[in-house]
Amino acid sequence: MKQRRRQELKTNELSIYLQQVYEFLVRNSTYVVGGVVVVALIIIVATMNTRSQHRAKADAMNRIRAIQSGEAVQD
């Protein structure tokens, strides 16, 4: 009996919590969506920046190798 009552109380707490989360998201949906978009843009820009840096390092290493081997360097 006690165990069933405890389970009911836990279920009610979860239900109340989920309802509060839902109400928060409904009230602040614009901010939530805006925040998700901003985070996505930050991730995209960081990824593009990292790729660009790796590409620049690879190009520099290729130029160094070309210079060391005596080949003509093309810009």
N, C-alpha and C. Protein backbone atom coordinates (compact mmCIF):
# COMPACT_ATOMS: atom_id res chain seq x y z
N MET A 1 0.81 -1.18 0.00
CA MET A 1 0.00 0.00 0.00
C MET A 1 0.87 1.26 0.00
N LYS A 2 1.86 1.30 0.87
CA LYS A 2 2.72 2.47 0.96
C LYS A 2 3.51 2.65 -0.34
N GLN A 3 3.95 1.54 -0.89
CA GLN A 3 4.75 1.61 -2.11
C GLN A 3 3.91 2.18 -3.26
N ARG A 4 2.67 1.76 -3.36
CA ARG A 4 1.79 2.26 -4.41
C ARG A 4 1.54 3.76 -4.23
N ARG A 5 1.35 4.18 -3.01
CA ARG A 5 1.12 5.60 -2.71
C ARG A 5 2.36 6.43 -3.06
N ARG A 6 3.54 5.91 -2.74
CA ARG A 6 4.77 6.61 -3.09
C ARG A 6 4.91 6.75 -4.60
N GLN A 7 4.56 5.68 -5.31
CA GLN A 7 4.64 5.71 -6.76
C GLN A 7 3.66 6.75 -7.33
N GLU A 8 2.48 6.84 -6.78
CA GLU A 8 1.51 7.84 -7.21
C GLU A 8 2.04 9.25 -6.97
N LEU A 9 2.66 9.47 -5.83
CA LEU A 9 3.21 10.79 -5.53
C LEU A 9 4.33 11.15 -6.50
N LYS A 10 5.20 10.18 -6.80
CA LYS A 10 6.28 10.43 -7.75
C LYS A 10 5.71 10.74 -9.12
N THR A 11 4.69 10.00 -9.52
CA THR A 11 4.05 10.23 -10.82
C THR A 11 3.44 11.63 -10.86
N ASN A 12 2.79 12.03 -9.77
CA ASN A 12 2.20 13.37 -9.71
C ASN A 12 3.28 14.45 -9.78
N GLU A 13 4.40 14.24 -9.11
CA GLU A 13 5.49 15.21 -9.15
C GLU A 13 6.02 15.35 -10.57
N LEU A 14 6.20 14.22 -11.24
CA LEU A 14 6.69 14.25 -12.62
C LEU A 14 5.68 14.97 -13.52
N SER A 15 4.42 14.68 -13.33
CA SER A 15 3.37 15.32 -14.12
C SER A 15 3.38 16.83 -13.92
N ILE A 16 3.50 17.27 -12.69
CA ILE A 16 3.54 18.70 -12.39
C ILE A 16 4.78 19.34 -13.01
N TYR A 17 5.92 18.68 -12.88
CA TYR A 17 7.17 19.20 -13.45
C TYR A 17 7.06 19.34 -14.96
N LEU A 18 6.55 18.30 -15.63
CA LEU A 18 6.42 18.35 -17.08
C LEU A 18 5.45 19.44 -17.52
N GLN A 19 4.40 19.64 -16.76
CA GLN A 19 3.45 20.70 -17.07
C GLN A 19 4.11 22.07 -16.92
N GLN A 20 4.92 22.24 -15.90
CA GLN A 20 5.62 23.51 -15.70
C GLN A 20 6.62 23.77 -16.84
N VAL A 21 7.31 22.72 -17.25
CA VAL A 21 8.26 22.87 -18.36
C VAL A 21 7.51 23.26 -19.63
N TYR A 22 6.40 22.59 -19.89
CA TYR A 22 5.60 22.90 -21.07
C TYR A 22 5.11 24.35 -21.04
N GLU A 23 4.61 24.80 -19.91
CA GLU A 23 4.14 26.18 -19.79
C GLU A 23 5.27 27.18 -19.99
N PHE A 24 6.45 26.86 -19.45
CA PHE A 24 7.61 27.72 -19.65
C PHE A 24 7.96 27.82 -21.13
N LEU A 25 7.97 26.68 -21.82
CA LEU A 25 8.31 26.68 -23.24
C LEU A 25 7.27 27.43 -24.07
N VAL A 26 6.00 27.30 -23.71
CA VAL A 26 4.96 28.03 -24.43
C VAL A 26 5.12 29.54 -24.22
N ARG A 27 5.37 29.96 -22.98
CA ARG A 27 5.54 31.39 -22.68
C ARG A 27 6.77 31.97 -23.36
N ASN A 28 7.83 31.19 -23.42
CA ASN A 28 9.12 31.71 -23.89
C ASN A 28 9.58 31.05 -25.19
N SER A 29 8.64 30.63 -26.02
CA SER A 29 9.00 29.89 -27.23
C SER A 29 9.90 30.70 -28.16
N THR A 30 9.66 31.98 -28.27
CA THR A 30 10.48 32.82 -29.14
C THR A 30 11.93 32.83 -28.66
N TYR A 31 12.12 32.97 -27.36
CA TYR A 31 13.48 32.99 -26.82
C TYR A 31 14.15 31.63 -26.95
N VAL A 32 13.38 30.58 -26.74
CA VAL A 32 13.95 29.23 -26.84
C VAL A 32 14.40 28.96 -28.27
N VAL A 33 13.54 29.26 -29.24
CA VAL A 33 13.90 29.05 -30.64
C VAL A 33 15.08 29.94 -31.02
N GLY A 34 15.06 31.18 -30.58
CA GLY A 34 16.18 32.08 -30.85
C GLY A 34 17.48 31.57 -30.27
N GLY A 35 17.42 31.05 -29.05
CA GLY A 35 18.61 30.49 -28.42
C GLY A 35 19.15 29.29 -29.17
N VAL A 36 18.25 28.44 -29.63
CA VAL A 36 18.67 27.26 -30.40
C VAL A 36 19.33 27.69 -31.71
N VAL A 37 18.76 28.69 -32.37
CA VAL A 37 19.34 29.19 -33.62
C VAL A 37 20.72 29.79 -33.37
N VAL A 38 20.86 30.56 -32.32
CA VAL A 38 22.16 31.17 -32.00
C VAL A 38 23.21 30.10 -31.72
N VAL A 39 22.85 29.10 -30.94
CA VAL A 39 23.79 28.01 -30.63
C VAL A 39 24.17 27.27 -31.91
N ALA A 40 23.20 27.01 -32.78
CA ALA A 40 23.49 26.33 -34.04
C ALA A 40 24.43 27.16 -34.91
N LEU A 41 24.21 28.46 -34.97
CA LEU A 41 25.09 29.34 -35.75
C LEU A 41 26.50 29.36 -35.19
N ILE A 42 26.62 29.38 -33.88
CA ILE A 42 27.95 29.36 -33.26
C ILE A 42 28.68 28.07 -33.61
N ILE A 43 27.98 26.96 -33.57
CA ILE A 43 28.60 25.67 -33.91
C ILE A 43 29.02 25.65 -35.37
N ILE A 44 28.17 26.16 -36.26
CA ILE A 44 28.49 26.18 -37.69
C ILE A 44 29.70 27.06 -37.96
N VAL A 45 29.73 28.26 -37.38
CA VAL A 45 30.85 29.18 -37.59
C VAL A 45 32.15 28.59 -37.03
N ALA A 46 32.08 27.98 -35.86
CA ALA A 46 33.27 27.38 -35.27
C ALA A 46 33.79 26.24 -36.14
N THR A 47 32.89 25.43 -36.67
CA THR A 47 33.29 24.32 -37.54
C THR A 47 33.94 24.85 -38.82
N MET A 48 33.32 25.86 -39.41
CA MET A 48 33.89 26.43 -40.64
C MET A 48 35.25 27.05 -40.37
N ASN A 49 35.41 27.72 -39.24
CA ASN A 49 36.68 28.33 -38.88
C ASN A 49 37.76 27.27 -38.70
N THR A 50 37.42 26.19 -38.02
CA THR A 50 38.38 25.11 -37.79
C THR A 50 38.81 24.48 -39.11
N ARG A 51 37.84 24.23 -39.98
CA ARG A 51 38.18 23.65 -41.29
C ARG A 51 39.07 24.59 -42.09
N SER A 52 38.78 25.87 -42.03
CA SER A 52 39.59 26.85 -42.75
C SER A 52 41.02 26.87 -42.22
N GLN A 53 41.17 26.80 -40.91
CA GLN A 53 42.51 26.77 -40.32
C GLN A 53 43.27 25.52 -40.73
N HIS A 54 42.59 24.38 -40.73
CA HIS A 54 43.25 23.13 -41.14
C HIS A 54 43.66 23.20 -42.61
N ARG A 55 42.80 23.77 -43.44
CA ARG A 55 43.10 23.90 -44.87
C ARG A 55 44.30 24.82 -45.07
N ALA A 56 44.36 25.92 -44.32
CA ALA A 56 45.48 26.86 -44.43
C ALA A 56 46.79 26.19 -43.99
N LYS A 57 46.73 25.41 -42.92
CA LYS A 57 47.94 24.70 -42.47
C LYS A 57 48.40 23.69 -43.51
N ALA A 58 47.46 22.98 -44.12
CA ALA A 58 47.82 21.99 -45.14
C ALA A 58 48.43 22.69 -46.36
N ASP A 59 47.87 23.82 -46.77
CA ASP A 59 48.43 24.57 -47.89
C ASP A 59 49.84 25.06 -47.57
N ALA A 60 50.04 25.55 -46.36
CA ALA A 60 51.37 26.02 -45.97
C ALA A 60 52.38 24.88 -45.98
N MET A 61 51.98 23.73 -45.47
CA MET A 61 52.89 22.57 -45.47
C MET A 61 53.21 22.13 -46.90
N ASN A 62 52.22 22.18 -47.78
CA ASN A 62 52.47 21.82 -49.18
C ASN A 62 53.44 22.80 -49.83
N ARG A 63 53.32 24.08 -49.51
CA ARG A 63 54.25 25.07 -50.05
C ARG A 63 55.66 24.85 -49.51
N ILE A 64 55.76 24.55 -48.22
CA ILE A 64 57.08 24.29 -47.63
C ILE A 64 57.73 23.08 -48.30
N ARG A 65 56.96 22.02 -48.48
CA ARG A 65 57.50 20.82 -49.15
C ARG A 65 57.93 21.13 -50.58
N ALA A 66 57.13 21.94 -51.28
CA ALA A 66 57.47 22.29 -52.65
C ALA A 66 58.75 23.11 -52.70
N ILE A 67 58.90 24.04 -51.77
CA ILE A 67 60.11 24.86 -51.72
C ILE A 67 61.31 23.99 -51.40
N GLN A 68 61.16 23.07 -50.44
CA GLN A 68 62.27 22.21 -50.05
C GLN A 68 62.67 21.26 -51.17
N SER A 69 61.74 20.86 -51.99
CA SER A 69 62.07 19.93 -53.07
C SER A 69 62.51 20.67 -54.32
N GLY A 70 62.43 21.99 -54.33
CA GLY A 70 62.90 22.78 -55.46
C GLY A 70 61.85 22.99 -56.53
N GLU A 71 60.63 22.63 -56.28
CA GLU A 71 59.56 22.83 -57.26
C GLU A 71 59.13 24.30 -57.24
N ALA A 72 58.53 24.72 -58.35
CA ALA A 72 58.02 26.08 -58.44
C ALA A 72 56.76 26.18 -57.58
N VAL A 73 56.67 27.25 -56.82
CA VAL A 73 55.51 27.46 -55.94
C VAL A 73 54.49 28.29 -56.69
N GLN A 74 53.25 27.79 -56.73
CA GLN A 74 52.16 28.52 -57.39
C GLN A 74 51.26 29.15 -56.34
N ASP A 75 50.87 30.38 -56.57
CA ASP A 75 49.96 31.06 -55.63
C ASP A 75 48.54 30.88 -56.05
